[in-house]
Amino acid sequence: MTTQTFLTTDELSERIKYDTRTIRNQLKDSVLLEGVHYFRPFGGRKILFIWETIERDMRKVKPASSIDIPMSSGGICRV
């Protein structure tokens, strides 16, 4: 069984170094999805973020400078 760490918006802000307003206004519901990265206990206003899921998905993001070039053989060249 995997242990999950639940964080408030303030705690998440400290870990990912984004302002709490940025998390609530820009990341929530576009990058951080309800039911995947966060939930609202008892359907209330409070939001709890699931740290392990956010951390896992942060590792999947490629650097903005990387480019994928499709190859004729069907592969991909990453530059």
C-alpha atoms as a PDB file:
ATOM      1  CA  MET A   1       0.000   0.000   0.000  1.00  0.00           C
ATOM      2  CA  THR A   2       1.367   3.400  -1.017  1.00  0.00           C
ATOM      3  CA  THR A   3       1.284   6.258   1.455  1.00  0.00           C
ATOM      4  CA  GLN A   4       0.023   9.555   0.062  1.00  0.00           C
ATOM      5  CA  THR A   5       1.004  12.990   1.290  1.00  0.00           C
ATOM      6  CA  PHE A   6      -1.782  15.563   1.218  1.00  0.00           C
ATOM      7  CA  LEU A   7      -0.760  19.219   1.019  1.00  0.00           C
ATOM      8  CA  THR A   8      -2.623  22.480   1.346  1.00  0.00           C
ATOM      9  CA  THR A   9      -2.086  25.173  -1.287  1.00  0.00           C
ATOM     10  CA  ASP A  10       0.410  26.925   1.008  1.00  0.00           C
ATOM     11  CA  GLU A  11       2.412  23.724   1.549  1.00  0.00           C
ATOM     12  CA  LEU A  12       2.429  22.953  -2.184  1.00  0.00           C
ATOM     13  CA  SER A  13       3.569  26.515  -2.859  1.00  0.00           C
ATOM     14  CA  GLU A  14       6.615  25.983  -0.631  1.00  0.00           C
ATOM     15  CA  ARG A  15       7.549  22.751  -2.403  1.00  0.00           C
ATOM     16  CA  ILE A  16       7.176  23.830  -6.041  1.00  0.00           C
ATOM     17  CA  LYS A  17       8.171  27.484  -5.517  1.00  0.00           C
ATOM     18  CA  TYR A  18       5.037  28.993  -7.074  1.00  0.00           C
ATOM     19  CA  ASP A  19       2.890  31.646  -5.434  1.00  0.00           C
ATOM     20  CA  THR A  20      -0.355  30.315  -3.934  1.00  0.00           C
ATOM     21  CA  ARG A  21      -2.389  32.609  -6.206  1.00  0.00           C
ATOM     22  CA  THR A  22      -0.604  31.208  -9.274  1.00  0.00           C
ATOM     23  CA  ILE A  23      -1.458  27.672  -8.160  1.00  0.00           C
ATOM     24  CA  ARG A  24      -5.136  28.539  -7.580  1.00  0.00           C
ATOM     25  CA  ASN A  25      -5.649  30.797 -10.615  1.00  0.00           C
ATOM     26  CA  GLN A  26      -3.436  29.312 -13.326  1.00  0.00           C
ATOM     27  CA  LEU A  27      -2.288  25.772 -12.508  1.00  0.00           C
ATOM     28  CA  LYS A  28      -5.442  24.385 -10.906  1.00  0.00           C
ATOM     29  CA  ASP A  29      -7.765  22.847 -13.515  1.00  0.00           C
ATOM     30  CA  SER A  30      -5.279  23.327 -16.369  1.00  0.00           C
ATOM     31  CA  VAL A  31      -2.106  21.575 -15.185  1.00  0.00           C
ATOM     32  CA  LEU A  32      -3.299  20.217 -11.844  1.00  0.00           C
ATOM     33  CA  LEU A  33      -6.517  18.297 -12.363  1.00  0.00           C
ATOM     34  CA  GLU A  34      -9.247  17.567  -9.831  1.00  0.00           C
ATOM     35  CA  GLY A  35      -9.451  13.865  -9.102  1.00  0.00           C
ATOM     36  CA  VAL A  36      -5.874  13.323 -10.287  1.00  0.00           C
ATOM     37  CA  HIS A  37      -3.686  15.908  -8.534  1.00  0.00           C
ATOM     38  CA  TYR A  38      -6.099  17.266  -5.948  1.00  0.00           C
ATOM     39  CA  PHE A  39      -9.476  16.727  -4.343  1.00  0.00           C
ATOM     40  CA  ARG A  40     -11.960  18.597  -2.187  1.00  0.00           C
ATOM     41  CA  PRO A  41     -12.690  16.675   1.010  1.00  0.00           C
ATOM     42  CA  PHE A  42     -16.417  16.375   1.683  1.00  0.00           C
ATOM     43  CA  GLY A  43     -17.151  18.539  -1.385  1.00  0.00           C
ATOM     44  CA  GLY A  44     -16.040  21.668   0.471  1.00  0.00           C
ATOM     45  CA  ARG A  45     -13.982  24.662  -0.538  1.00  0.00           C
ATOM     46  CA  LYS A  46     -10.714  23.386   0.927  1.00  0.00           C
ATOM     47  CA  ILE A  47      -8.339  21.779  -1.575  1.00  0.00           C
ATOM     48  CA  LEU A  48      -5.829  19.050  -0.753  1.00  0.00           C
ATOM     49  CA  PHE A  49      -3.118  18.271  -3.280  1.00  0.00           C
ATOM     50  CA  ILE A  50      -1.644  14.771  -3.651  1.00  0.00           C
ATOM     51  CA  TRP A  51       2.111  15.307  -3.575  1.00  0.00           C
ATOM     52  CA  GLU A  52       3.214  11.933  -5.000  1.00  0.00           C
ATOM     53  CA  THR A  53       1.034  12.361  -8.099  1.00  0.00           C
ATOM     54  CA  ILE A  54       2.225  15.924  -8.692  1.00  0.00           C
ATOM     55  CA  GLU A  55       5.857  14.899  -8.177  1.00  0.00           C
ATOM     56  CA  ARG A  56       5.471  11.961 -10.596  1.00  0.00           C
ATOM     57  CA  ASP A  57       3.909  14.132 -13.294  1.00  0.00           C
ATOM     58  CA  MET A  58       6.520  16.876 -12.844  1.00  0.00           C
ATOM     59  CA  ARG A  59       9.189  14.354 -13.864  1.00  0.00           C
ATOM     60  CA  LYS A  60       7.336  13.629 -17.126  1.00  0.00           C
ATOM     61  CA  VAL A  61       7.560  17.231 -18.360  1.00  0.00           C
ATOM     62  CA  LYS A  62      10.263  17.788 -20.965  1.00  0.00           C
ATOM     63  CA  PRO A  63      12.413  20.899 -20.897  1.00  0.00           C
ATOM     64  CA  ALA A  64      11.026  23.722 -23.038  1.00  0.00           C
ATOM     65  CA  SER A  65      14.203  23.684 -25.133  1.00  0.00           C
ATOM     66  CA  SER A  66      13.849  20.036 -26.217  1.00  0.00           C
ATOM     67  CA  ILE A  67      12.541  19.369 -29.720  1.00  0.00           C
ATOM     68  CA  ASP A  68      11.199  16.083 -31.117  1.00  0.00           C
ATOM     69  CA  ILE A  69      11.978  15.465 -34.786  1.00  0.00           C
ATOM     70  CA  PRO A  70      10.025  12.633 -36.449  1.00  0.00           C
ATOM     71  CA  MET A  71      12.222  10.202 -38.375  1.00  0.00           C
ATOM     72  CA  SER A  72      11.252   8.432 -41.602  1.00  0.00           C
ATOM     73  CA  SER A  73      11.713   5.071 -39.853  1.00  0.00           C
ATOM     74  CA  GLY A  74       8.944   6.000 -37.403  1.00  0.00           C
ATOM     75  CA  GLY A  75      11.261   6.886 -34.528  1.00  0.00           C
ATOM     76  CA  ILE A  76      11.834  10.225 -32.881  1.00  0.00           C
ATOM     77  CA  CYS A  77      15.068  12.184 -32.608  1.00  0.00           C
ATOM     78  CA  ARG A  78      15.151  14.299 -29.445  1.00  0.00           C
ATOM     79  CA  VAL A  79      17.315  17.411 -29.729  1.00  0.00           C
END
